[in-house]
Amino acid sequence: MKAHGRRVGLRTFEKLKPLHGRKLKERNTCACKYHIKMHELQEGFNNMRGESKGIHGKQCNCTYDVCGNSIPSVCTTSYTTFHDLIDMWMSIMCSVRDSTFHALNCLKGKCDSCGIDMLMTYLDENDQRIDKMMSWKCYEKVIHGKARASLDNKVLRLQHKDITTHVFLSYLKPRLQKFITHNFVVHF
C-alpha cells in the first residue's frame, strides 16, 4: 500500500482503520468506566486465585478438588481463573439456545438456573471469620495537593488495595451482574 508516495506496512494499515472497519476484540468498542472497572475486578479475582500472589498459594491447606482427583496434592483453585472478561460473565450465564442472544431474564439476573450465585467461589473465600488478604488494583480519586480556595485537589490514580476476600467478592458480585446488562447493550 502507498500513502502519499510512501509504503505502509500491513500492521500500520490495520491500526489506521477506523473502529467500524476493524475486527472486534474484547473492549475495543467501549472503553467506559464499567469495562475498565470490570477488567480490574477480573484481574483481582485471578490474583485471588493465583499460585504465587493469591490466597491459595504454596502454603494453602485447602482440600478442594476442582479437577476430579480423589485427594489433590496441592490446592487446585488456581485452575478456576478467567482468561478474559467474557469468560467471567459467560461462566454465570445460561447457554444460548435457539437464538444468538441470551434470554432477557438471564441478562437481568432473574433466571432461576443462572446468575451471580453461579460464580464459583470457595468456602474460605466467602467466610467472614477468615481474614485472608488479597491485593488488587483499582482507579480511585486521591488527594493531590491543594486547589486555589484551600480545597483538596483530587486526581484519578491506579491504587493497590489489600482487602479480605469476602469483602472483595461482595464488591464484585453486584457489579458483575450490572455489567452483563451493560455489555449486552454496548455490543448489540
C-alpha atoms as a PDB file:
ATOM      1  CA  MET A   1       0.000   0.000   0.000  1.00  0.00           C
ATOM      2  CA  LYS A   2       1.179   3.510  -0.712  1.00  0.00           C
ATOM      3  CA  ALA A   3       0.044   6.554   1.228  1.00  0.00           C
ATOM      4  CA  HIS A   4       1.244   9.897  -0.098  1.00  0.00           C
ATOM      5  CA  GLY A   5       4.046   8.199  -2.003  1.00  0.00           C
ATOM      6  CA  ARG A   6       5.247   6.124   0.995  1.00  0.00           C
ATOM      7  CA  ARG A   7       4.785   2.470   1.739  1.00  0.00           C
ATOM      8  CA  VAL A   8       2.733   1.469   4.783  1.00  0.00           C
ATOM      9  CA  GLY A   9       3.108  -1.931   6.394  1.00  0.00           C
ATOM     10  CA  LEU A  10       0.131  -4.196   6.962  1.00  0.00           C
ATOM     11  CA  ARG A  11       0.250  -3.796  10.754  1.00  0.00           C
ATOM     12  CA  THR A  12       0.245   0.001  10.463  1.00  0.00           C
ATOM     13  CA  PHE A  13      -2.554  -0.187   7.915  1.00  0.00           C
ATOM     14  CA  GLU A  14      -4.667  -2.261  10.323  1.00  0.00           C
ATOM     15  CA  LYS A  15      -4.037   0.207  13.147  1.00  0.00           C
ATOM     16  CA  LEU A  16      -5.124   3.131  10.980  1.00  0.00           C
ATOM     17  CA  LYS A  17      -8.502   1.625  10.153  1.00  0.00           C
ATOM     18  CA  PRO A  18     -11.495   3.257  11.853  1.00  0.00           C
ATOM     19  CA  LEU A  19     -13.232   1.274  14.620  1.00  0.00           C
ATOM     20  CA  HIS A  20     -16.155   0.253  12.404  1.00  0.00           C
ATOM     21  CA  GLY A  21     -13.706  -1.343   9.932  1.00  0.00           C
ATOM     22  CA  ARG A  22     -11.714  -3.411  12.442  1.00  0.00           C
ATOM     23  CA  LYS A  23     -12.354  -6.916  13.653  1.00  0.00           C
ATOM     24  CA  LEU A  24     -13.962  -6.772  17.097  1.00  0.00           C
ATOM     25  CA  LYS A  25     -11.895  -7.747  20.108  1.00  0.00           C
ATOM     26  CA  GLU A  26     -12.748  -7.537  23.760  1.00  0.00           C
ATOM     27  CA  ARG A  27     -13.455  -3.954  24.842  1.00  0.00           C
ATOM     28  CA  ASN A  28     -12.264  -2.179  21.711  1.00  0.00           C
ATOM     29  CA  THR A  29     -15.627  -0.549  21.054  1.00  0.00           C
ATOM     30  CA  CYS A  30     -16.355   0.552  24.607  1.00  0.00           C
ATOM     31  CA  ALA A  31     -13.715   1.856  26.967  1.00  0.00           C
ATOM     32  CA  CYS A  32     -16.167   3.205  29.503  1.00  0.00           C
ATOM     33  CA  LYS A  33     -15.696   3.104  33.256  1.00  0.00           C
ATOM     34  CA  TYR A  34     -17.787  -0.088  33.584  1.00  0.00           C
ATOM     35  CA  HIS A  35     -15.485  -2.044  31.299  1.00  0.00           C
ATOM     36  CA  ILE A  36     -12.353  -0.693  32.967  1.00  0.00           C
ATOM     37  CA  LYS A  37     -13.657  -1.464  36.471  1.00  0.00           C
ATOM     38  CA  MET A  38     -14.752  -4.964  35.495  1.00  0.00           C
ATOM     39  CA  HIS A  39     -11.396  -5.665  33.900  1.00  0.00           C
ATOM     40  CA  GLU A  40      -9.719  -4.631  37.171  1.00  0.00           C
ATOM     41  CA  LEU A  41     -12.102  -6.863  39.148  1.00  0.00           C
ATOM     42  CA  GLN A  42     -11.432  -9.804  36.827  1.00  0.00           C
ATOM     43  CA  GLU A  43      -7.684  -9.368  37.334  1.00  0.00           C
ATOM     44  CA  GLY A  44      -8.261  -9.110  41.085  1.00  0.00           C
ATOM     45  CA  PHE A  45     -10.275 -12.346  41.018  1.00  0.00           C
ATOM     46  CA  ASN A  46      -7.459 -14.079  39.158  1.00  0.00           C
ATOM     47  CA  ASN A  47      -4.906 -12.674  41.634  1.00  0.00           C
ATOM     48  CA  MET A  48      -7.001 -14.066  44.476  1.00  0.00           C
ATOM     49  CA  ARG A  49      -6.740 -17.496  42.891  1.00  0.00           C
ATOM     50  CA  GLY A  50      -3.151 -17.204  41.639  1.00  0.00           C
ATOM     51  CA  GLU A  51      -0.497 -19.626  42.850  1.00  0.00           C
ATOM     52  CA  SER A  52       2.143 -17.013  43.627  1.00  0.00           C
ATOM     53  CA  LYS A  53       0.176 -13.965  44.842  1.00  0.00           C
ATOM     54  CA  GLY A  54      -3.172 -15.466  45.770  1.00  0.00           C
ATOM     55  CA  ILE A  55      -4.583 -16.792  48.991  1.00  0.00           C
ATOM     56  CA  HIS A  56      -4.330 -20.352  47.667  1.00  0.00           C
ATOM     57  CA  GLY A  57      -0.560 -20.207  47.311  1.00  0.00           C
ATOM     58  CA  LYS A  58       2.055 -22.807  48.095  1.00  0.00           C
ATOM     59  CA  GLN A  59       1.217 -22.935  51.803  1.00  0.00           C
ATOM     60  CA  CYS A  60      -2.515 -23.424  51.198  1.00  0.00           C
ATOM     61  CA  ASN A  61      -4.224 -26.096  53.304  1.00  0.00           C
ATOM     62  CA  CYS A  62      -7.352 -26.318  51.160  1.00  0.00           C
ATOM     63  CA  THR A  63      -8.760 -29.726  50.366  1.00  0.00           C
ATOM     64  CA  TYR A  64     -10.830 -28.577  47.384  1.00  0.00           C
ATOM     65  CA  ASP A  65     -10.879 -30.783  44.357  1.00  0.00           C
ATOM     66  CA  VAL A  66     -11.634 -28.962  41.133  1.00  0.00           C
ATOM     67  CA  CYS A  67     -10.114 -31.458  38.708  1.00  0.00           C
ATOM     68  CA  GLY A  68     -11.808 -34.628  39.966  1.00  0.00           C
ATOM     69  CA  ASN A  69      -8.887 -36.193  41.811  1.00  0.00           C
ATOM     70  CA  SER A  70      -9.824 -38.004  44.987  1.00  0.00           C
ATOM     71  CA  ILE A  71      -7.029 -36.390  47.022  1.00  0.00           C
ATOM     72  CA  PRO A  72      -5.392 -33.330  45.483  1.00  0.00           C
ATOM     73  CA  SER A  73      -1.683 -32.985  46.144  1.00  0.00           C
ATOM     74  CA  VAL A  74      -1.874 -29.187  46.045  1.00  0.00           C
ATOM     75  CA  CYS A  75      -4.735 -26.733  46.084  1.00  0.00           C
ATOM     76  CA  THR A  76      -6.249 -26.651  42.610  1.00  0.00           C
ATOM     77  CA  THR A  77      -8.237 -23.409  42.839  1.00  0.00           C
ATOM     78  CA  SER A  78      -5.709 -21.659  40.609  1.00  0.00           C
ATOM     79  CA  TYR A  79      -7.219 -23.608  37.707  1.00  0.00           C
ATOM     80  CA  THR A  80     -10.515 -21.746  38.117  1.00  0.00           C
ATOM     81  CA  THR A  81      -9.377 -18.354  36.847  1.00  0.00           C
ATOM     82  CA  PHE A  82     -10.715 -16.464  33.837  1.00  0.00           C
ATOM     83  CA  HIS A  83      -8.638 -15.718  30.745  1.00  0.00           C
ATOM     84  CA  ASP A  84     -10.646 -12.621  29.907  1.00  0.00           C
ATOM     85  CA  LEU A  85     -13.746 -10.735  30.963  1.00  0.00           C
ATOM     86  CA  ILE A  86     -16.000 -12.584  28.546  1.00  0.00           C
ATOM     87  CA  ASP A  87     -15.124 -15.906  30.192  1.00  0.00           C
ATOM     88  CA  MET A  88     -16.043 -14.470  33.575  1.00  0.00           C
ATOM     89  CA  TRP A  89     -19.543 -13.323  32.740  1.00  0.00           C
ATOM     90  CA  MET A  90     -20.254 -16.280  30.455  1.00  0.00           C
ATOM     91  CA  SER A  91     -19.500 -18.630  33.370  1.00  0.00           C
ATOM     92  CA  ILE A  92     -22.575 -17.402  35.227  1.00  0.00           C
ATOM     93  CA  MET A  93     -24.966 -17.248  32.240  1.00  0.00           C
ATOM     94  CA  CYS A  94     -27.186 -19.899  30.712  1.00  0.00           C
ATOM     95  CA  SER A  95     -26.024 -21.077  27.322  1.00  0.00           C
ATOM     96  CA  VAL A  96     -27.637 -19.545  24.253  1.00  0.00           C
ATOM     97  CA  ARG A  97     -30.268 -21.949  22.975  1.00  0.00           C
ATOM     98  CA  ASP A  98     -32.221 -21.144  19.831  1.00  0.00           C
ATOM     99  CA  SER A  99     -31.101 -17.608  19.012  1.00  0.00           C
ATOM    100  CA  THR A 100     -27.874 -15.667  19.020  1.00  0.00           C
ATOM    101  CA  PHE A 101     -28.856 -13.748  22.175  1.00  0.00           C
ATOM    102  CA  HIS A 102     -29.295 -14.675  25.817  1.00  0.00           C
ATOM    103  CA  ALA A 103     -32.787 -14.664  27.279  1.00  0.00           C
ATOM    104  CA  LEU A 104     -33.894 -11.361  28.831  1.00  0.00           C
ATOM    105  CA  ASN A 105     -34.310 -12.969  32.279  1.00  0.00           C
ATOM    106  CA  CYS A 106     -30.694 -14.176  32.144  1.00  0.00           C
ATOM    107  CA  LEU A 107     -29.428 -10.708  31.202  1.00  0.00           C
ATOM    108  CA  LYS A 108     -31.341  -9.069  34.044  1.00  0.00           C
ATOM    109  CA  GLY A 109     -30.292 -11.689  36.608  1.00  0.00           C
ATOM    110  CA  LYS A 110     -33.818 -13.018  37.117  1.00  0.00           C
ATOM    111  CA  CYS A 111     -33.267 -16.519  35.751  1.00  0.00           C
ATOM    112  CA  ASP A 112     -33.530 -19.402  38.227  1.00  0.00           C
ATOM    113  CA  SER A 113     -30.788 -21.501  36.613  1.00  0.00           C
ATOM    114  CA  CYS A 114     -28.114 -18.811  36.153  1.00  0.00           C
ATOM    115  CA  GLY A 115     -26.931 -15.613  37.765  1.00  0.00           C
ATOM    116  CA  ILE A 116     -24.312 -14.266  40.105  1.00  0.00           C
ATOM    117  CA  ASP A 117     -24.776 -17.180  42.526  1.00  0.00           C
ATOM    118  CA  MET A 118     -23.239 -19.425  39.858  1.00  0.00           C
ATOM    119  CA  LEU A 119     -19.841 -17.689  40.217  1.00  0.00           C
ATOM    120  CA  MET A 120     -17.562 -20.406  41.526  1.00  0.00           C
ATOM    121  CA  THR A 121     -16.320 -19.395  44.974  1.00  0.00           C
ATOM    122  CA  TYR A 122     -14.976 -21.493  47.809  1.00  0.00           C
ATOM    123  CA  LEU A 123     -15.934 -21.575  51.466  1.00  0.00           C
ATOM    124  CA  ASP A 124     -12.824 -19.870  52.814  1.00  0.00           C
ATOM    125  CA  GLU A 125     -13.142 -17.089  50.229  1.00  0.00           C
ATOM    126  CA  ASN A 126     -16.647 -16.203  51.452  1.00  0.00           C
ATOM    127  CA  ASP A 127     -16.134 -16.837  55.170  1.00  0.00           C
ATOM    128  CA  GLN A 128     -16.089 -13.578  57.135  1.00  0.00           C
ATOM    129  CA  ARG A 129     -14.245 -15.217  60.029  1.00  0.00           C
ATOM    130  CA  ILE A 130     -11.215 -15.972  57.851  1.00  0.00           C
ATOM    131  CA  ASP A 131      -9.004 -12.939  57.328  1.00  0.00           C
ATOM    132  CA  LYS A 132      -7.183 -13.988  54.167  1.00  0.00           C
ATOM    133  CA  MET A 133      -5.971 -10.836  52.477  1.00  0.00           C
ATOM    134  CA  MET A 134      -5.653 -10.297  48.756  1.00  0.00           C
ATOM    135  CA  SER A 135      -4.462  -7.385  46.658  1.00  0.00           C
ATOM    136  CA  TRP A 136      -5.972  -5.810  43.582  1.00  0.00           C
ATOM    137  CA  LYS A 137      -5.722  -2.573  41.638  1.00  0.00           C
ATOM    138  CA  CYS A 138      -8.469  -0.062  41.052  1.00  0.00           C
ATOM    139  CA  TYR A 139      -8.793   3.554  39.989  1.00  0.00           C
ATOM    140  CA  GLU A 140      -9.659   5.930  42.823  1.00  0.00           C
ATOM    141  CA  LYS A 141      -9.735   9.657  43.367  1.00  0.00           C
ATOM    142  CA  VAL A 142      -6.913  10.626  45.718  1.00  0.00           C
ATOM    143  CA  ILE A 143      -5.913  13.964  47.174  1.00  0.00           C
ATOM    144  CA  HIS A 144      -3.066  15.603  45.293  1.00  0.00           C
ATOM    145  CA  GLY A 145      -2.236  18.989  46.757  1.00  0.00           C
ATOM    146  CA  LYS A 146      -4.492  21.958  47.319  1.00  0.00           C
ATOM    147  CA  ALA A 147      -6.571  23.986  44.913  1.00  0.00           C
ATOM    148  CA  ARG A 148      -6.788  27.787  44.998  1.00  0.00           C
ATOM    149  CA  ALA A 149      -9.592  28.024  47.539  1.00  0.00           C
ATOM    150  CA  SER A 150      -7.798  25.724  50.025  1.00  0.00           C
ATOM    151  CA  LEU A 151      -9.865  22.817  48.772  1.00  0.00           C
ATOM    152  CA  ASP A 152      -8.320  19.428  48.197  1.00  0.00           C
ATOM    153  CA  ASN A 153      -7.300  18.794  44.606  1.00  0.00           C
ATOM    154  CA  LYS A 154      -8.304  15.232  43.655  1.00  0.00           C
ATOM    155  CA  VAL A 155      -6.891  13.190  40.797  1.00  0.00           C
ATOM    156  CA  LEU A 156      -7.758   9.740  39.478  1.00  0.00           C
ATOM    157  CA  ARG A 157      -4.975   7.196  40.062  1.00  0.00           C
ATOM    158  CA  LEU A 158      -4.498   3.466  39.904  1.00  0.00           C
ATOM    159  CA  GLN A 159      -4.269   2.320  43.536  1.00  0.00           C
ATOM    160  CA  HIS A 160      -3.218  -1.008  45.042  1.00  0.00           C
ATOM    161  CA  LYS A 161      -5.638  -2.231  47.704  1.00  0.00           C
ATOM    162  CA  ASP A 162      -5.310  -5.009  50.245  1.00  0.00           C
ATOM    163  CA  ILE A 163      -8.682  -6.337  51.408  1.00  0.00           C
ATOM    164  CA  THR A 164     -10.174  -9.603  52.625  1.00  0.00           C
ATOM    165  CA  THR A 165     -11.594 -11.993  50.072  1.00  0.00           C
ATOM    166  CA  HIS A 166     -15.180 -11.875  51.339  1.00  0.00           C
ATOM    167  CA  VAL A 167     -15.211  -8.053  51.066  1.00  0.00           C
ATOM    168  CA  PHE A 168     -13.788  -8.298  47.533  1.00  0.00           C
ATOM    169  CA  LEU A 169     -16.417 -10.838  46.474  1.00  0.00           C
ATOM    170  CA  SER A 170     -19.247  -8.789  47.984  1.00  0.00           C
ATOM    171  CA  TYR A 171     -17.945  -5.820  45.942  1.00  0.00           C
ATOM    172  CA  LEU A 172     -17.537  -7.882  42.745  1.00  0.00           C
ATOM    173  CA  LYS A 173     -20.857  -9.736  42.578  1.00  0.00           C
ATOM    174  CA  PRO A 174     -23.357  -6.885  42.163  1.00  0.00           C
ATOM    175  CA  ARG A 175     -21.088  -5.123  39.688  1.00  0.00           C
ATOM    176  CA  LEU A 176     -20.724  -8.262  37.575  1.00  0.00           C
ATOM    177  CA  GLN A 177     -24.497  -8.641  37.297  1.00  0.00           C
ATOM    178  CA  LYS A 178     -24.926  -4.997  36.214  1.00  0.00           C
ATOM    179  CA  PHE A 179     -22.052  -5.363  33.763  1.00  0.00           C
ATOM    180  CA  ILE A 180     -23.789  -8.206  31.922  1.00  0.00           C
ATOM    181  CA  THR A 181     -26.708  -5.950  31.015  1.00  0.00           C
ATOM    182  CA  HIS A 182     -24.371  -3.079  30.118  1.00  0.00           C
ATOM    183  CA  ASN A 183     -22.209  -5.310  27.918  1.00  0.00           C
ATOM    184  CA  PHE A 184     -25.265  -6.575  26.030  1.00  0.00           C
ATOM    185  CA  VAL A 185     -26.435  -3.010  25.344  1.00  0.00           C
ATOM    186  CA  VAL A 186     -22.970  -1.931  24.171  1.00  0.00           C
ATOM    187  CA  HIS A 187     -22.463  -4.800  21.725  1.00  0.00           C
ATOM    188  CA  PHE A 188     -25.979  -5.078  20.329  1.00  0.00           C
END
